[in-house]
């Protein structure tokens, strides 16, 4: 076989404008399509992620309220009395030893408040009650407050703006 003119011994030459061999990598169009798909998926997922983060924080706050509730009941079982009222964000006197080490009533985005209300004339439906105890949480973020309200549902004794209170005991 005779070699043709313009070829190198019978090797095939690529058509004009085409690469001779496939190079590794992606074209600009492929990258733009992938970026658009990732953007759409992120746009769908982010609102749901935000909602889930608020729900998780609401569960965390409820856990903190339960810690105070258990500590208060433990205090009562040990001391045969209830802790005295304290200001918002302040642990009542004597209650700290019943709480976990380094426990604080001031957290990022919210503060806990131990409530101790004397009831001189009793409560409706319970005229013998002379004291009502609760734990409140005052939340800085309205969306987080709404998530906690939704999570706690009927276990909330009362809500005022972004402050929610649950009952510990009445006696």
Protein backbone atom coordinates (compact mmCIF):
# COMPACT_ATOMS: atom_id res chain seq x y z
CA UNK A 1 0.00 0.00 0.00
CA UNK A 2 1.24 3.35 -1.00
CA UNK A 3 1.22 6.27 1.41
CA UNK A 4 -1.11 9.09 0.50
CA UNK A 5 0.01 12.61 0.21
CA UNK A 6 -0.76 14.77 3.24
CA UNK A 7 -0.98 11.88 5.71
CA UNK A 8 1.57 10.31 7.96
CA UNK A 9 1.69 6.73 6.81
CA UNK A 10 -2.00 5.99 6.92
CA UNK A 11 -2.80 7.54 10.32
CA UNK A 12 -6.26 9.04 10.42
CA UNK A 13 -6.38 12.78 10.77
CA UNK A 14 -9.22 14.37 12.78
CA UNK A 15 -11.78 16.44 10.98
CA UNK A 16 -11.14 20.18 11.15
CA UNK A 17 -12.39 21.73 14.47
CA UNK A 18 -12.41 18.43 16.42
CA UNK A 19 -9.88 17.30 18.97
CA UNK A 20 -7.67 14.43 18.10
CA UNK A 21 -8.24 12.72 21.46
CA UNK A 22 -10.74 13.26 24.29
CA UNK A 23 -9.26 15.47 27.01
CA UNK A 24 -10.34 15.06 30.64
CA UNK A 25 -12.66 17.75 32.03
CA UNK A 26 -16.05 19.30 31.53
CA UNK A 27 -17.30 21.83 29.06
CA UNK A 28 -18.53 25.21 30.20
CA UNK A 29 -22.12 24.25 29.35
CA UNK A 30 -21.93 21.10 31.49
CA UNK A 31 -20.59 23.09 34.44
CA UNK A 32 -23.31 25.75 34.06
CA UNK A 33 -26.05 23.09 34.01
CA UNK A 34 -24.68 21.44 37.16
CA UNK A 35 -24.43 24.84 38.90
CA UNK A 36 -28.03 25.65 37.97
CA UNK A 37 -29.28 22.30 39.31
CA UNK A 38 -27.33 22.72 42.56
CA UNK A 39 -28.74 26.25 42.92
CA UNK A 40 -32.30 25.02 42.47
CA UNK A 41 -31.83 22.21 45.00
CA UNK A 42 -30.26 24.59 47.51
CA UNK A 43 -33.15 27.01 47.05
CA UNK A 44 -35.58 24.21 47.85
CA UNK A 45 -33.61 22.88 50.82
CA UNK A 46 -32.62 26.10 52.65
CA UNK A 47 -36.10 27.11 53.88
CA UNK A 48 -36.62 23.59 55.20
CA UNK A 49 -33.18 23.63 56.84
CA UNK A 50 -33.98 26.93 58.56
CA UNK A 51 -37.26 25.51 59.90
CA UNK A 52 -35.48 22.41 61.18
CA UNK A 53 -32.81 24.53 62.91
CA UNK A 54 -35.51 26.52 64.73
CA UNK A 55 -37.25 23.29 65.75
CA UNK A 56 -33.99 21.89 67.07
CA UNK A 57 -33.36 25.06 69.10
CA UNK A 58 -36.93 24.84 70.45
CA UNK A 59 -36.24 21.29 71.65
CA UNK A 60 -33.01 22.54 73.27
CA UNK A 61 -34.92 25.29 75.11
CA UNK A 62 -37.56 22.82 76.28
CA UNK A 63 -34.76 20.60 77.57
CA UNK A 64 -33.34 23.53 79.56
CA UNK A 65 -36.79 24.23 81.01
CA UNK A 66 -37.10 20.56 82.03
CA UNK A 67 -33.68 20.69 83.72
CA UNK A 68 -34.90 23.61 85.87
CA UNK A 69 -38.16 21.77 86.60
CA UNK A 70 -36.37 18.61 87.77
CA UNK A 71 -33.87 20.66 89.82
CA UNK A 72 -36.76 22.53 91.49
CA UNK A 73 -38.57 19.30 92.35
CA UNK A 74 -35.31 17.81 93.67
CA UNK A 75 -34.75 20.94 95.77
CA UNK A 76 -38.24 20.53 97.23
CA UNK A 77 -37.70 16.84 97.98
CA UNK A 78 -34.43 17.62 99.77
CA UNK A 79 -35.32 20.92 101.52
CA UNK A 80 -39.11 20.47 102.00
CA UNK A 81 -39.58 23.96 100.60
CA UNK A 82 -39.41 25.75 97.28
CA UNK A 83 -36.63 28.05 96.05
CA UNK A 84 -37.29 31.76 96.48
CA UNK A 85 -38.11 33.96 93.47
CA UNK A 86 -35.13 35.35 91.56
CA UNK A 87 -34.72 37.83 88.73
CA UNK A 88 -34.80 36.72 85.11
CA UNK A 89 -31.52 35.09 84.14
CA UNK A 90 -30.52 34.54 87.79
CA UNK A 91 -30.43 31.08 89.40
CA UNK A 92 -32.47 31.08 92.63
CA UNK A 93 -30.55 30.76 95.88
CA UNK A 94 -29.84 27.12 96.74
CA UNK A 95 -30.96 25.74 93.37
CA UNK A 96 -27.47 25.78 91.77
CA UNK A 97 -26.41 22.61 93.62
CA UNK A 98 -29.31 20.74 91.98
CA UNK A 99 -28.39 21.90 88.48
CA UNK A 100 -25.60 20.53 86.23
CA UNK A 101 -22.13 22.04 86.69
CA UNK A 102 -21.71 25.51 85.15
CA UNK A 103 -25.41 25.68 84.30
CA UNK A 104 -26.58 29.16 83.37
CA UNK A 105 -30.02 30.73 83.03
CA UNK A 106 -28.60 33.08 80.36
CA UNK A 107 -28.16 31.38 77.00
CA UNK A 108 -27.50 32.54 73.47
CA UNK A 109 -30.81 33.98 72.25
CA UNK A 110 -32.86 33.37 75.40
CA UNK A 111 -32.99 33.61 79.20
CA UNK A 112 -34.65 31.34 81.71
CA UNK A 113 -36.63 32.63 84.66
CA UNK A 114 -37.75 30.67 87.71
CA UNK A 115 -41.22 31.81 88.77
CA UNK A 116 -42.60 31.56 92.32
CA UNK A 117 -46.04 33.17 92.71
CA UNK A 118 -47.84 33.26 96.06
CA UNK A 119 -51.61 32.78 95.63
CA UNK A 120 -53.26 34.19 98.76
CA UNK A 121 -56.78 33.45 97.54
CA UNK A 122 -56.03 30.20 95.71
CA UNK A 123 -56.59 29.37 92.07
CA UNK A 124 -59.81 28.95 90.14
CA UNK A 125 -60.70 25.28 90.45
CA UNK A 126 -58.11 24.83 93.23
CA UNK A 127 -58.92 27.24 96.08
CA UNK A 128 -56.50 25.41 98.40
CA UNK A 129 -53.45 26.26 96.29
CA UNK A 130 -51.29 28.88 97.95
CA UNK A 131 -48.30 28.83 95.62
CA UNK A 132 -47.71 28.33 91.91
CA UNK A 133 -44.27 27.55 90.48
CA UNK A 134 -43.14 27.73 86.90
CA UNK A 135 -40.19 28.18 84.61
CA UNK A 136 -40.31 30.83 81.92
CA UNK A 137 -38.17 31.47 78.90
CA UNK A 138 -37.80 34.88 77.28
CA UNK A 139 -36.65 34.48 73.67
CA UNK A 140 -34.96 37.18 71.58
CA UNK A 141 -35.98 35.80 68.16
CA UNK A 142 -39.68 35.76 67.22
CA UNK A 143 -39.29 32.82 64.81
CA UNK A 144 -37.63 30.77 67.55
CA UNK A 145 -40.39 31.80 69.95
CA UNK A 146 -43.00 30.58 67.46
CA UNK A 147 -41.14 27.28 67.02
CA UNK A 148 -41.10 26.76 70.81
CA UNK A 149 -44.78 27.67 71.05
CA UNK A 150 -45.56 25.12 68.33
CA UNK A 151 -43.38 22.46 70.00
CA UNK A 152 -44.77 22.91 73.52
CA UNK A 153 -48.39 23.18 72.44
CA UNK A 154 -50.75 22.70 75.39
CA UNK A 155 -47.99 22.27 77.99
CA UNK A 156 -47.55 26.06 78.04
CA UNK A 157 -49.27 27.64 81.00
CA UNK A 158 -49.26 31.06 79.35
CA UNK A 159 -47.48 33.11 76.72
CA UNK A 160 -46.93 36.85 76.58
CA UNK A 161 -45.18 38.10 73.44
CA UNK A 162 -41.99 35.95 73.29
CA UNK A 163 -42.07 34.81 76.92
CA UNK A 164 -43.47 31.31 77.53
CA UNK A 165 -44.14 29.75 80.94
CA UNK A 166 -44.72 26.13 81.90
CA UNK A 167 -45.99 24.96 85.27
CA UNK A 168 -43.66 23.16 87.66
CA UNK A 169 -46.03 22.67 90.57
CA UNK A 170 -48.81 24.23 92.56
CA UNK A 171 -49.27 23.68 96.23
